[in-house]
Amino acid sequence: MACDLFALQNIEADKGFAIPRRRTASSRRLTLGAALGLALAAGGCGSGHASSASSTPAPAVSAPAPAVTTATSTTTTTATTTSHRTVPRRIAHVARPAGPLRGKVVVIDPGHNGGNAAAPDAINRLVPAGGFMKACDTTGTATDAGYNEAEFNFDVALRVAAILRREGAHVVLTRSSNDGVGPCVNERAAIGNRAHADAAISIHADGAPASGQGFHVIEPALVAGYNDAIIAASARLGGILRDEMATGSGLVPSTYLGHDGIDVRGDLGGLNLSAVPKVFLESGNMRNPHDAGLQTDPAWRDRLAHVIAAALTLYLTGPARS
């Protein structure tokens, strides 16, 4: 025979076959026959031995697995475990569709804080407000039934934040609870500036005489040397928010302040010190029975949050205008 047993053992090892230490004569012949057939097909031995050395059909030479299965169960098991490796399936990662606000940063400033009333020294201290000094913060207002503005502002802010995050935005809140104090008005502006926000909104509710009702958007007046760069963009944001509020909130534009739902002010540190486009929203008058009825309704607060989020989305995704 042109190929010795050592050569056949090497061929079997190369092909992934293992020769058991103890085998029956018939098992040995079948295994060697299969291996010899593979060796001859690979050109390891002369082609003249192909028909005389093995009766294994030609197809078994090109498909090693069927040839192995003709051996005993011991050989079959060995061949299966040594010549076929289990390859873990790769689970394709399906990326979630990018939301329309992906890459955008929005700062939401819930006005006041639930602990302000208990810390008069802290909230009455003076801080810079854009060319003048002003009290750090105030307590805010409340409905006649005692639902306070700080709680309202925070609830609506959380709802808006959740919507915007689902749209892909990175949202920063100026406070994370309603049982703290502040932050001061200058720090609220600084939070937006540090975040390099694409837009910022301060959420409030007003405490005007009960006869007045409705919402109004406060845009920054020009305070030279402080907010020059944000006036035009803030006016655009304010206009979009006013339109969305007028058509979707169930509140009318303010009947007691501003013009057509817009008021422009230069006495608010949160606007004067902002380096990013920013507006305030007074979401109705808490002393007016109609407005208070809406504000105390969780379903309406959710409606309001969707209106605010829609306005921010329109501003952030629409074409910039001067």
C-alpha atoms as a PDB file:
ATOM      1  CA  MET A   1       0.000   0.000   0.000  1.00  0.00           C
ATOM      2  CA  ALA A   2       1.416   3.380  -1.023  1.00  0.00           C
ATOM      3  CA  CYS A   3       0.233   5.133   2.179  1.00  0.00           C
ATOM      4  CA  ASP A   4       1.099   3.700   5.610  1.00  0.00           C
ATOM      5  CA  LEU A   5      -1.109   3.761   8.696  1.00  0.00           C
ATOM      6  CA  PHE A   6       0.786   6.734  10.156  1.00  0.00           C
ATOM      7  CA  ALA A   7      -0.062   8.741   7.072  1.00  0.00           C
ATOM      8  CA  LEU A   8      -3.697   7.731   7.366  1.00  0.00           C
ATOM      9  CA  GLN A   9      -3.729   8.760  11.007  1.00  0.00           C
ATOM     10  CA  ASN A  10      -2.353  12.150  10.031  1.00  0.00           C
ATOM     11  CA  ILE A  11      -4.953  12.483   7.288  1.00  0.00           C
ATOM     12  CA  GLU A  12      -7.712  11.638   9.750  1.00  0.00           C
ATOM     13  CA  ALA A  13      -6.397  14.199  12.203  1.00  0.00           C
ATOM     14  CA  ASP A  14      -6.216  16.847   9.504  1.00  0.00           C
ATOM     15  CA  LYS A  15      -9.801  16.142   8.502  1.00  0.00           C
ATOM     16  CA  GLY A  16     -11.033  16.258  12.062  1.00  0.00           C
ATOM     17  CA  PHE A  17     -11.418  12.490  12.564  1.00  0.00           C
ATOM     18  CA  ALA A  18     -10.273  10.666  15.694  1.00  0.00           C
ATOM     19  CA  ILE A  19      -9.283   6.976  15.671  1.00  0.00           C
ATOM     20  CA  PRO A  20     -10.518   5.304  18.874  1.00  0.00           C
ATOM     21  CA  ARG A  21      -7.957   3.313  20.844  1.00  0.00           C
ATOM     22  CA  ARG A  22     -10.089   0.174  20.933  1.00  0.00           C
ATOM     23  CA  ARG A  23     -12.216  -0.847  18.008  1.00  0.00           C
ATOM     24  CA  THR A  24     -13.600  -3.975  16.434  1.00  0.00           C
ATOM     25  CA  ALA A  25     -12.054  -5.249  13.247  1.00  0.00           C
ATOM     26  CA  SER A  26     -15.062  -4.188  11.209  1.00  0.00           C
ATOM     27  CA  SER A  27     -15.057  -0.775  12.787  1.00  0.00           C
ATOM     28  CA  ARG A  28     -11.350  -0.370  12.042  1.00  0.00           C
ATOM     29  CA  ARG A  29     -11.822  -1.362   8.413  1.00  0.00           C
ATOM     30  CA  LEU A  30     -14.734   1.053   7.893  1.00  0.00           C
ATOM     31  CA  THR A  31     -12.888   3.931   9.517  1.00  0.00           C
ATOM     32  CA  LEU A  32      -9.665   3.296   7.624  1.00  0.00           C
ATOM     33  CA  GLY A  33     -11.598   2.869   4.432  1.00  0.00           C
ATOM     34  CA  ALA A  34     -13.290   6.226   4.841  1.00  0.00           C
ATOM     35  CA  ALA A  35     -10.048   7.928   5.706  1.00  0.00           C
ATOM     36  CA  LEU A  36      -8.208   6.279   2.794  1.00  0.00           C
ATOM     37  CA  GLY A  37     -10.880   7.466   0.435  1.00  0.00           C
ATOM     38  CA  LEU A  38     -10.412  11.009   1.664  1.00  0.00           C
ATOM     39  CA  ALA A  39      -6.652  10.705   1.390  1.00  0.00           C
ATOM     40  CA  LEU A  40      -6.797   9.443  -2.172  1.00  0.00           C
ATOM     41  CA  ALA A  41      -9.200  12.174  -3.174  1.00  0.00           C
ATOM     42  CA  ALA A  42      -6.903  14.759  -1.700  1.00  0.00           C
ATOM     43  CA  GLY A  43      -4.001  13.461  -3.794  1.00  0.00           C
ATOM     44  CA  GLY A  44      -2.030  12.031  -0.852  1.00  0.00           C
ATOM     45  CA  CYS A  45      -1.832   8.566  -2.568  1.00  0.00           C
ATOM     46  CA  GLY A  46      -1.717   7.484  -6.205  1.00  0.00           C
ATOM     47  CA  SER A  47      -5.008   7.564  -8.079  1.00  0.00           C
ATOM     48  CA  GLY A  48      -4.542   3.916  -9.086  1.00  0.00           C
ATOM     49  CA  HIS A  49      -5.454   2.789  -5.547  1.00  0.00           C
ATOM     50  CA  ALA A  50      -8.810   4.565  -5.412  1.00  0.00           C
ATOM     51  CA  SER A  51     -10.975   1.656  -6.573  1.00  0.00           C
ATOM     52  CA  SER A  52      -9.067  -1.191  -4.924  1.00  0.00           C
ATOM     53  CA  ALA A  53      -8.481   0.302  -1.501  1.00  0.00           C
ATOM     54  CA  SER A  54     -12.064   1.341  -0.650  1.00  0.00           C
ATOM     55  CA  SER A  55     -15.588   0.567  -1.760  1.00  0.00           C
ATOM     56  CA  THR A  56     -16.860   3.894  -0.462  1.00  0.00           C
ATOM     57  CA  PRO A  57     -18.858   5.696  -3.254  1.00  0.00           C
ATOM     58  CA  ALA A  58     -17.316   8.805  -4.748  1.00  0.00           C
ATOM     59  CA  PRO A  59     -19.860  11.214  -3.245  1.00  0.00           C
ATOM     60  CA  ALA A  60     -18.619  10.241   0.205  1.00  0.00           C
ATOM     61  CA  VAL A  61     -15.194  11.621  -0.697  1.00  0.00           C
ATOM     62  CA  SER A  62     -16.511  15.129  -1.313  1.00  0.00           C
ATOM     63  CA  ALA A  63     -18.819  14.998   1.716  1.00  0.00           C
ATOM     64  CA  PRO A  64     -16.881  13.607   4.713  1.00  0.00           C
ATOM     65  CA  ALA A  65     -19.828  13.576   7.069  1.00  0.00           C
ATOM     66  CA  PRO A  66     -21.827  10.786   5.268  1.00  0.00           C
ATOM     67  CA  ALA A  67     -18.699   8.599   5.138  1.00  0.00           C
ATOM     68  CA  VAL A  68     -18.235   8.884   8.888  1.00  0.00           C
ATOM     69  CA  THR A  69     -21.807   7.865   9.647  1.00  0.00           C
ATOM     70  CA  THR A  70     -21.165   4.444   8.127  1.00  0.00           C
ATOM     71  CA  ALA A  71     -18.853   3.631  11.049  1.00  0.00           C
ATOM     72  CA  THR A  72     -19.909   2.514  14.506  1.00  0.00           C
ATOM     73  CA  SER A  73     -21.829   4.830  16.827  1.00  0.00           C
ATOM     74  CA  THR A  74     -18.596   5.584  18.726  1.00  0.00           C
ATOM     75  CA  THR A  75     -16.934   6.904  15.580  1.00  0.00           C
ATOM     76  CA  THR A  76     -19.996   8.890  14.585  1.00  0.00           C
ATOM     77  CA  THR A  77     -20.129  10.649  17.934  1.00  0.00           C
ATOM     78  CA  THR A  78     -16.442  11.437  17.853  1.00  0.00           C
ATOM     79  CA  ALA A  79     -16.616  12.777  14.334  1.00  0.00           C
ATOM     80  CA  THR A  80     -19.583  14.925  15.133  1.00  0.00           C
ATOM     81  CA  THR A  81     -18.018  16.525  18.154  1.00  0.00           C
ATOM     82  CA  THR A  82     -14.614  17.067  16.555  1.00  0.00           C
ATOM     83  CA  SER A  83     -15.465  18.055  13.001  1.00  0.00           C
ATOM     84  CA  HIS A  84     -18.525  20.229  13.571  1.00  0.00           C
ATOM     85  CA  ARG A  85     -18.249  23.113  16.004  1.00  0.00           C
ATOM     86  CA  THR A  86     -21.280  24.831  17.452  1.00  0.00           C
ATOM     87  CA  VAL A  87     -21.181  28.453  16.379  1.00  0.00           C
ATOM     88  CA  PRO A  88     -23.331  30.854  18.434  1.00  0.00           C
ATOM     89  CA  ARG A  89     -25.868  32.750  16.416  1.00  0.00           C
ATOM     90  CA  ARG A  90     -25.267  36.418  16.000  1.00  0.00           C
ATOM     91  CA  ILE A  91     -28.291  38.483  16.881  1.00  0.00           C
ATOM     92  CA  ALA A  92     -28.460  41.477  14.622  1.00  0.00           C
ATOM     93  CA  HIS A  93     -28.674  44.768  16.465  1.00  0.00           C
ATOM     94  CA  VAL A  94     -31.559  46.795  15.146  1.00  0.00           C
ATOM     95  CA  ALA A  95     -31.043  50.451  15.927  1.00  0.00           C
ATOM     96  CA  ARG A  96     -34.077  52.363  17.056  1.00  0.00           C
ATOM     97  CA  PRO A  97     -35.206  55.044  14.656  1.00  0.00           C
ATOM     98  CA  ALA A  98     -33.767  58.401  15.575  1.00  0.00           C
ATOM     99  CA  GLY A  99     -36.399  60.772  16.942  1.00  0.00           C
ATOM    100  CA  PRO A 100     -36.868  64.197  15.387  1.00  0.00           C
ATOM    101  CA  LEU A 101     -35.107  65.818  18.363  1.00  0.00           C
ATOM    102  CA  ARG A 102     -32.081  63.554  18.487  1.00  0.00           C
ATOM    103  CA  GLY A 103     -29.012  65.667  19.244  1.00  0.00           C
ATOM    104  CA  LYS A 104     -31.088  68.556  20.593  1.00  0.00           C
ATOM    105  CA  VAL A 105     -30.731  69.863  24.134  1.00  0.00           C
ATOM    106  CA  VAL A 106     -33.749  71.356  25.890  1.00  0.00           C
ATOM    107  CA  VAL A 107     -33.729  72.969  29.331  1.00  0.00           C
ATOM    108  CA  ILE A 108     -37.005  73.020  31.243  1.00  0.00           C
ATOM    109  CA  ASP A 109     -37.211  75.355  34.207  1.00  0.00           C
ATOM    110  CA  PRO A 110     -40.130  74.614  36.586  1.00  0.00           C
ATOM    111  CA  GLY A 111     -40.622  77.970  38.313  1.00  0.00           C
ATOM    112  CA  HIS A 112     -40.182  78.363  42.100  1.00  0.00           C
ATOM    113  CA  ASN A 113     -39.853  75.336  44.424  1.00  0.00           C
ATOM    114  CA  GLY A 114     -41.926  73.653  47.108  1.00  0.00           C
ATOM    115  CA  GLY A 115     -39.527  74.539  49.921  1.00  0.00           C
ATOM    116  CA  ASN A 116     -39.193  78.232  49.135  1.00  0.00           C
ATOM    117  CA  ALA A 117     -41.847  79.378  51.574  1.00  0.00           C
ATOM    118  CA  ALA A 118     -39.959  77.808  54.481  1.00  0.00           C
ATOM    119  CA  ALA A 119     -36.655  79.477  53.571  1.00  0.00           C
ATOM    120  CA  PRO A 120     -37.272  83.238  53.355  1.00  0.00           C
ATOM    121  CA  ASP A 121     -33.653  84.177  54.063  1.00  0.00           C
ATOM    122  CA  ALA A 122     -32.432  82.060  51.164  1.00  0.00           C
ATOM    123  CA  ILE A 123     -34.947  83.168  48.579  1.00  0.00           C
ATOM    124  CA  ASN A 124     -34.894  86.856  49.546  1.00  0.00           C
ATOM    125  CA  ARG A 125     -31.154  87.317  49.185  1.00  0.00           C
ATOM    126  CA  LEU A 126     -30.167  89.455  46.227  1.00  0.00           C
ATOM    127  CA  VAL A 127     -28.508  88.002  43.149  1.00  0.00           C
ATOM    128  CA  PRO A 128     -27.452  89.465  39.762  1.00  0.00           C
ATOM    129  CA  ALA A 129     -30.344  89.686  37.314  1.00  0.00           C
ATOM    130  CA  GLY A 130     -28.803  91.374  34.272  1.00  0.00           C
ATOM    131  CA  GLY A 131     -27.573  94.849  35.158  1.00  0.00           C
ATOM    132  CA  PHE A 132     -29.329  94.981  38.537  1.00  0.00           C
ATOM    133  CA  MET A 133     -29.905  92.883  41.634  1.00  0.00           C
ATOM    134  CA  LYS A 134     -33.048  90.951  42.403  1.00  0.00           C
ATOM    135  CA  ALA A 135     -34.366  88.468  44.968  1.00  0.00           C
ATOM    136  CA  CYS A 136     -33.085  84.921  44.470  1.00  0.00           C
ATOM    137  CA  ASP A 137     -36.607  83.522  43.961  1.00  0.00           C
ATOM    138  CA  THR A 138     -40.194  83.784  45.202  1.00  0.00           C
ATOM    139  CA  THR A 139     -42.782  81.375  46.559  1.00  0.00           C
ATOM    140  CA  GLY A 140     -45.106  81.615  43.577  1.00  0.00           C
ATOM    141  CA  THR A 141     -48.898  81.661  43.763  1.00  0.00           C
ATOM    142  CA  ALA A 142     -51.699  79.138  44.329  1.00  0.00           C
ATOM    143  CA  THR A 143     -55.337  78.470  43.512  1.00  0.00           C
ATOM    144  CA  ASP A 144     -57.985  79.517  46.008  1.00  0.00           C
ATOM    145  CA  ALA A 145     -58.255  75.824  46.992  1.00  0.00           C
ATOM    146  CA  GLY A 146     -54.548  75.698  47.858  1.00  0.00           C
ATOM    147  CA  TYR A 147     -52.989  73.969  44.825  1.00  0.00           C
ATOM    148  CA  ASN A 148     -49.665  75.774  44.653  1.00  0.00           C
ATOM    149  CA  GLU A 149     -47.830  76.963  41.589  1.00  0.00           C
ATOM    150  CA  ALA A 150     -44.524  75.262  42.382  1.00  0.00           C
ATOM    151  CA  GLU A 151     -46.229  71.861  42.389  1.00  0.00           C
ATOM    152  CA  PHE A 152     -48.097  72.663  39.172  1.00  0.00           C
ATOM    153  CA  ASN A 153     -44.936  73.843  37.434  1.00  0.00           C
ATOM    154  CA  PHE A 154     -42.971  70.760  38.404  1.00  0.00           C
ATOM    155  CA  ASP A 155     -45.718  68.342  37.375  1.00  0.00           C
ATOM    156  CA  VAL A 156     -46.061  69.901  33.935  1.00  0.00           C
ATOM    157  CA  ALA A 157     -42.275  70.052  33.501  1.00  0.00           C
ATOM    158  CA  LEU A 158     -41.926  66.330  34.164  1.00  0.00           C
ATOM    159  CA  ARG A 159     -44.620  65.575  31.615  1.00  0.00           C
ATOM    160  CA  VAL A 160     -42.984  67.755  28.970  1.00  0.00           C
ATOM    161  CA  ALA A 161     -39.585  66.204  29.676  1.00  0.00           C
ATOM    162  CA  ALA A 162     -40.935  62.684  29.186  1.00  0.00           C
ATOM    163  CA  ILE A 163     -42.434  63.580  25.804  1.00  0.00           C
ATOM    164  CA  LEU A 164     -39.298  65.297  24.546  1.00  0.00           C
ATOM    165  CA  ARG A 165     -37.075  62.433  25.649  1.00  0.00           C
ATOM    166  CA  ARG A 166     -39.222  60.024  23.661  1.00  0.00           C
ATOM    167  CA  GLU A 167     -38.577  62.289  20.685  1.00  0.00           C
ATOM    168  CA  GLY A 168     -34.831  61.907  21.197  1.00  0.00           C
ATOM    169  CA  ALA A 169     -33.996  65.164  22.994  1.00  0.00           C
ATOM    170  CA  HIS A 170     -31.561  65.476  25.868  1.00  0.00           C
ATOM    171  CA  VAL A 171     -33.597  67.241  28.541  1.00  0.00           C
ATOM    172  CA  VAL A 172     -32.173  69.096  31.537  1.00  0.00           C
ATOM    173  CA  LEU A 173     -34.397  70.221  34.426  1.00  0.00           C
ATOM    174  CA  THR A 174     -33.327  73.125  36.624  1.00  0.00           C
ATOM    175  CA  ARG A 175     -34.614  71.254  39.678  1.00  0.00           C
ATOM    176  CA  SER A 176     -35.207  67.562  40.300  1.00  0.00           C
ATOM    177  CA  SER A 177     -37.850  67.699  43.040  1.00  0.00           C
ATOM    178  CA  ASN A 178     -40.512  69.932  44.537  1.00  0.00           C
ATOM    179  CA  ASP A 179     -39.318  69.904  48.125  1.00  0.00           C
ATOM    180  CA  GLY A 180     -36.171  72.006  47.826  1.00  0.00           C
ATOM    181  CA  VAL A 181     -35.266  75.695  47.740  1.00  0.00           C
ATOM    182  CA  GLY A 182     -34.446  77.627  44.583  1.00  0.00           C
ATOM    183  CA  PRO A 183     -32.310  77.597  42.560  1.00  0.00           C
ATOM    184  CA  CYS A 184     -31.934  81.342  42.266  1.00  0.00           C
ATOM    185  CA  VAL A 185     -32.960  83.053  39.049  1.00  0.00           C
ATOM    186  CA  ASN A 186     -29.381  83.637  37.931  1.00  0.00           C
ATOM    187  CA  GLU A 187     -28.530  79.970  38.448  1.00  0.00           C
ATOM    188  CA  ARG A 188     -31.587  78.893  36.477  1.00  0.00           C
ATOM    189  CA  ALA A 189     -30.243  80.867  33.518  1.00  0.00           C
ATOM    190  CA  ALA A 190     -26.746  79.488  34.081  1.00  0.00           C
ATOM    191  CA  ILE A 191     -28.016  75.900  33.918  1.00  0.00           C
ATOM    192  CA  GLY A 192     -29.308  76.497  30.400  1.00  0.00           C
ATOM    193  CA  ASN A 193     -26.113  78.253  29.379  1.00  0.00           C
ATOM    194  CA  ARG A 194     -23.887  75.440  30.667  1.00  0.00           C
ATOM    195  CA  ALA A 195     -25.997  72.880  28.857  1.00  0.00           C
ATOM    196  CA  HIS A 196     -25.652  74.856  25.586  1.00  0.00           C
ATOM    197  CA  ALA A 197     -29.374  74.367  25.192  1.00  0.00           C
ATOM    198  CA  ASP A 198     -30.986  74.674  21.796  1.00  0.00           C
ATOM    199  CA  ALA A 199     -34.058  75.991  23.598  1.00  0.00           C
ATOM    200  CA  ALA A 200     -35.141  76.703  27.155  1.00  0.00           C
ATOM    201  CA  ILE A 201     -38.539  77.307  28.695  1.00  0.00           C
ATOM    202  CA  SER A 202     -39.568  78.396  32.176  1.00  0.00           C
ATOM    203  CA  ILE A 203     -42.977  77.012  33.154  1.00  0.00           C
ATOM    204  CA  HIS A 204     -45.193  79.090  35.449  1.00  0.00           C
ATOM    205  CA  ALA A 205     -48.796  79.913  36.297  1.00  0.00           C
ATOM    206  CA  ASP A 206     -49.895  83.451  37.106  1.00  0.00           C
ATOM    207  CA  GLY A 207     -51.534  84.912  40.198  1.00  0.00           C
ATOM    208  CA  ALA A 208     -53.499  87.835  38.757  1.00  0.00           C
ATOM    209  CA  PRO A 209     -56.905  89.228  39.824  1.00  0.00           C
ATOM    210  CA  ALA A 210     -59.648  86.618  39.489  1.00  0.00           C
ATOM    211  CA  SER A 211     -61.394  88.525  36.710  1.00  0.00           C
ATOM    212  CA  GLY A 212     -58.520  87.933  34.313  1.00  0.00           C
ATOM    213  CA  GLN A 213     -57.949  84.668  32.559  1.00  0.00           C
ATOM    214  CA  GLY A 214     -55.803  83.019  29.927  1.00  0.00           C
ATOM    215  CA  PHE A 215     -52.156  82.328  29.153  1.00  0.00           C
ATOM    216  CA  HIS A 216     -49.335  84.532  28.008  1.00  0.00           C
ATOM    217  CA  VAL A 217     -45.804  83.923  26.760  1.00  0.00           C
ATOM    218  CA  ILE A 218     -43.059  86.202  28.102  1.00  0.00           C
ATOM    219  CA  GLU A 219     -40.270  86.984  25.658  1.00  0.00           C
ATOM    220  CA  PRO A 220     -37.015  88.715  26.655  1.00  0.00           C
ATOM    221  CA  ALA A 221     -36.641  92.430  26.072  1.00  0.00           C
ATOM    222  CA  LEU A 222     -33.220  93.506  24.865  1.00  0.00           C
ATOM    223  CA  VAL A 223     -30.829  94.127  27.754  1.00  0.00           C
ATOM    224  CA  ALA A 224     -27.728  95.373  25.959  1.00  0.00           C
ATOM    225  CA  GLY A 225     -24.604  93.475  26.780  1.00  0.00           C
ATOM    226  CA  TYR A 226     -26.498  90.525  28.264  1.00  0.00           C
ATOM    227  CA  ASN A 227     -29.043  88.868  25.999  1.00  0.00           C
ATOM    228  CA  ASP A 228     -28.409  90.535  22.639  1.00  0.00           C
ATOM    229  CA  ALA A 229     -27.755  87.238  20.862  1.00  0.00           C
ATOM    230  CA  ILE A 230     -31.006  85.501  21.833  1.00  0.00           C
ATOM    231  CA  ILE A 231     -33.686  88.132  21.157  1.00  0.00           C
ATOM    232  CA  ALA A 232     -34.649  87.084  17.639  1.00  0.00           C
ATOM    233  CA  ALA A 233     -34.560  83.337  18.315  1.00  0.00           C
ATOM    234  CA  SER A 234     -36.516  83.757  21.554  1.00  0.00           C
ATOM    235  CA  ALA A 235     -39.180  85.770  19.732  1.00  0.00           C
ATOM    236  CA  ARG A 236     -39.519  82.980  17.192  1.00  0.00           C
ATOM    237  CA  LEU A 237     -39.849  80.393  19.961  1.00  0.00           C
ATOM    238  CA  GLY A 238     -42.375  82.607  21.750  1.00  0.00           C
ATOM    239  CA  GLY A 239     -44.485  83.034  18.624  1.00  0.00           C
ATOM    240  CA  ILE A 240     -44.647  79.294  17.990  1.00  0.00           C
ATOM    241  CA  LEU A 241     -45.538  78.589  21.613  1.00  0.00           C
ATOM    242  CA  ARG A 242     -48.260  81.273  21.585  1.00  0.00           C
ATOM    243  CA  ASP A 243     -49.816  79.775  18.446  1.00  0.00           C
ATOM    244  CA  GLU A 244     -49.789  76.242  19.855  1.00  0.00           C
ATOM    245  CA  MET A 245     -51.254  77.395  23.160  1.00  0.00           C
ATOM    246  CA  ALA A 246     -54.016  79.353  21.430  1.00  0.00           C
ATOM    247  CA  THR A 247     -55.112  76.404  19.294  1.00  0.00           C
ATOM    248  CA  GLY A 248     -54.492  73.444  21.582  1.00  0.00           C
ATOM    249  CA  SER A 249     -54.518  74.322  25.283  1.00  0.00           C
ATOM    250  CA  GLY A 250     -58.120  75.295  25.908  1.00  0.00           C
ATOM    251  CA  LEU A 251     -56.913  78.605  27.369  1.00  0.00           C
ATOM    252  CA  VAL A 252     -57.490  81.946  25.701  1.00  0.00           C
ATOM    253  CA  PRO A 253     -54.686  84.480  25.260  1.00  0.00           C
ATOM    254  CA  SER A 254     -54.479  86.595  28.384  1.00  0.00           C
ATOM    255  CA  THR A 255     -57.347  89.038  28.842  1.00  0.00           C
ATOM    256  CA  TYR A 256     -55.401  91.144  31.349  1.00  0.00           C
ATOM    257  CA  LEU A 257     -51.759  91.328  30.256  1.00  0.00           C
ATOM    258  CA  GLY A 258     -49.660  91.585  27.110  1.00  0.00           C
ATOM    259  CA  HIS A 259     -50.884  91.661  23.539  1.00  0.00           C
ATOM    260  CA  ASP A 260     -52.336  88.662  21.745  1.00  0.00           C
ATOM    261  CA  GLY A 261     -50.775  86.264  24.238  1.00  0.00           C
ATOM    262  CA  ILE A 262     -47.287  87.827  24.133  1.00  0.00           C
ATOM    263  CA  ASP A 263     -45.610  89.968  26.786  1.00  0.00           C
ATOM    264  CA  VAL A 264     -42.064  91.349  26.532  1.00  0.00           C
ATOM    265  CA  ARG A 265     -40.134  91.988  29.745  1.00  0.00           C
ATOM    266  CA  GLY A 266     -36.660  93.111  30.757  1.00  0.00           C
ATOM    267  CA  ASP A 267     -36.951  92.584  34.520  1.00  0.00           C
ATOM    268  CA  LEU A 268     -36.584  88.805  34.653  1.00  0.00           C
ATOM    269  CA  GLY A 269     -33.117  87.529  35.497  1.00  0.00           C
ATOM    270  CA  GLY A 270     -33.868  84.152  33.923  1.00  0.00           C
ATOM    271  CA  LEU A 271     -34.275  85.860  30.537  1.00  0.00           C
ATOM    272  CA  ASN A 272     -31.746  88.667  30.898  1.00  0.00           C
ATOM    273  CA  LEU A 273     -28.915  86.311  31.759  1.00  0.00           C
ATOM    274  CA  SER A 274     -29.753  83.583  29.269  1.00  0.00           C
ATOM    275  CA  ALA A 275     -27.310  82.908  26.451  1.00  0.00           C
ATOM    276  CA  VAL A 276     -29.703  80.444  24.793  1.00  0.00           C
ATOM    277  CA  PRO A 277     -33.160  81.036  23.263  1.00  0.00           C
ATOM    278  CA  LYS A 278     -35.613  81.141  26.158  1.00  0.00           C
ATOM    279  CA  VAL A 279     -39.160  82.145  27.053  1.00  0.00           C
ATOM    280  CA  PHE A 280     -41.451  82.009  30.075  1.00  0.00           C
ATOM    281  CA  LEU A 281     -44.936  80.529  29.870  1.00  0.00           C
ATOM    282  CA  GLU A 282     -47.652  81.689  32.247  1.00  0.00           C
ATOM    283  CA  SER A 283     -50.057  78.761  31.913  1.00  0.00           C
ATOM    284  CA  GLY A 284     -53.246  80.506  32.961  1.00  0.00           C
ATOM    285  CA  ASN A 285     -54.294  82.486  36.029  1.00  0.00           C
ATOM    286  CA  MET A 286     -54.526  80.354  39.169  1.00  0.00           C
ATOM    287  CA  ARG A 287     -56.903  82.880  40.778  1.00  0.00           C
ATOM    288  CA  ASN A 288     -59.411  82.586  37.964  1.00  0.00           C
ATOM    289  CA  PRO A 289     -61.992  79.816  38.553  1.00  0.00           C
ATOM    290  CA  HIS A 290     -61.971  78.644  34.938  1.00  0.00           C
ATOM    291  CA  ASP A 291     -58.203  78.469  34.646  1.00  0.00           C
ATOM    292  CA  ALA A 292     -57.792  76.920  38.094  1.00  0.00           C
ATOM    293  CA  GLY A 293     -60.290  74.209  37.172  1.00  0.00           C
ATOM    294  CA  LEU A 294     -58.058  73.218  34.286  1.00  0.00           C
ATOM    295  CA  GLN A 295     -54.800  73.477  36.200  1.00  0.00           C
ATOM    296  CA  THR A 296     -55.951  71.124  38.955  1.00  0.00           C
ATOM    297  CA  ASP A 297     -56.978  68.462  36.411  1.00  0.00           C
ATOM    298  CA  PRO A 298     -54.159  65.958  35.696  1.00  0.00           C
ATOM    299  CA  ALA A 299     -55.634  65.176  32.276  1.00  0.00           C
ATOM    300  CA  TRP A 300     -55.439  68.842  31.310  1.00  0.00           C
ATOM    301  CA  ARG A 301     -51.890  69.117  32.590  1.00  0.00           C
ATOM    302  CA  ASP A 302     -51.016  66.258  30.276  1.00  0.00           C
ATOM    303  CA  ARG A 303     -52.719  68.090  27.422  1.00  0.00           C
ATOM    304  CA  LEU A 304     -50.753  71.218  28.258  1.00  0.00           C
ATOM    305  CA  ALA A 305     -47.501  69.239  28.283  1.00  0.00           C
ATOM    306  CA  HIS A 306     -48.186  67.928  24.788  1.00  0.00           C
ATOM    307  CA  VAL A 307     -48.871  71.464  23.556  1.00  0.00           C
ATOM    308  CA  ILE A 308     -45.601  72.748  25.019  1.00  0.00           C
ATOM    309  CA  ALA A 309     -43.657  69.783  23.633  1.00  0.00           C
ATOM    310  CA  ALA A 310     -45.202  70.276  20.199  1.00  0.00           C
ATOM    311  CA  ALA A 311     -44.164  73.937  20.188  1.00  0.00           C
ATOM    312  CA  LEU A 312     -40.596  73.083  21.164  1.00  0.00           C
ATOM    313  CA  THR A 313     -40.433  70.396  18.486  1.00  0.00           C
ATOM    314  CA  LEU A 314     -41.683  72.825  15.832  1.00  0.00           C
ATOM    315  CA  TYR A 315     -39.117  75.373  16.895  1.00  0.00           C
ATOM    316  CA  LEU A 316     -36.234  72.903  16.977  1.00  0.00           C
ATOM    317  CA  THR A 317     -37.021  71.152  13.707  1.00  0.00           C
ATOM    318  CA  GLY A 318     -38.279  74.084  11.640  1.00  0.00           C
ATOM    319  CA  PRO A 319     -36.135  76.384   9.514  1.00  0.00           C
ATOM    320  CA  ALA A 320     -34.333  79.045  11.489  1.00  0.00           C
ATOM    321  CA  ARG A 321     -35.507  82.584  10.857  1.00  0.00           C
ATOM    322  CA  SER A 322     -34.052  85.849  11.988  1.00  0.00           C
END
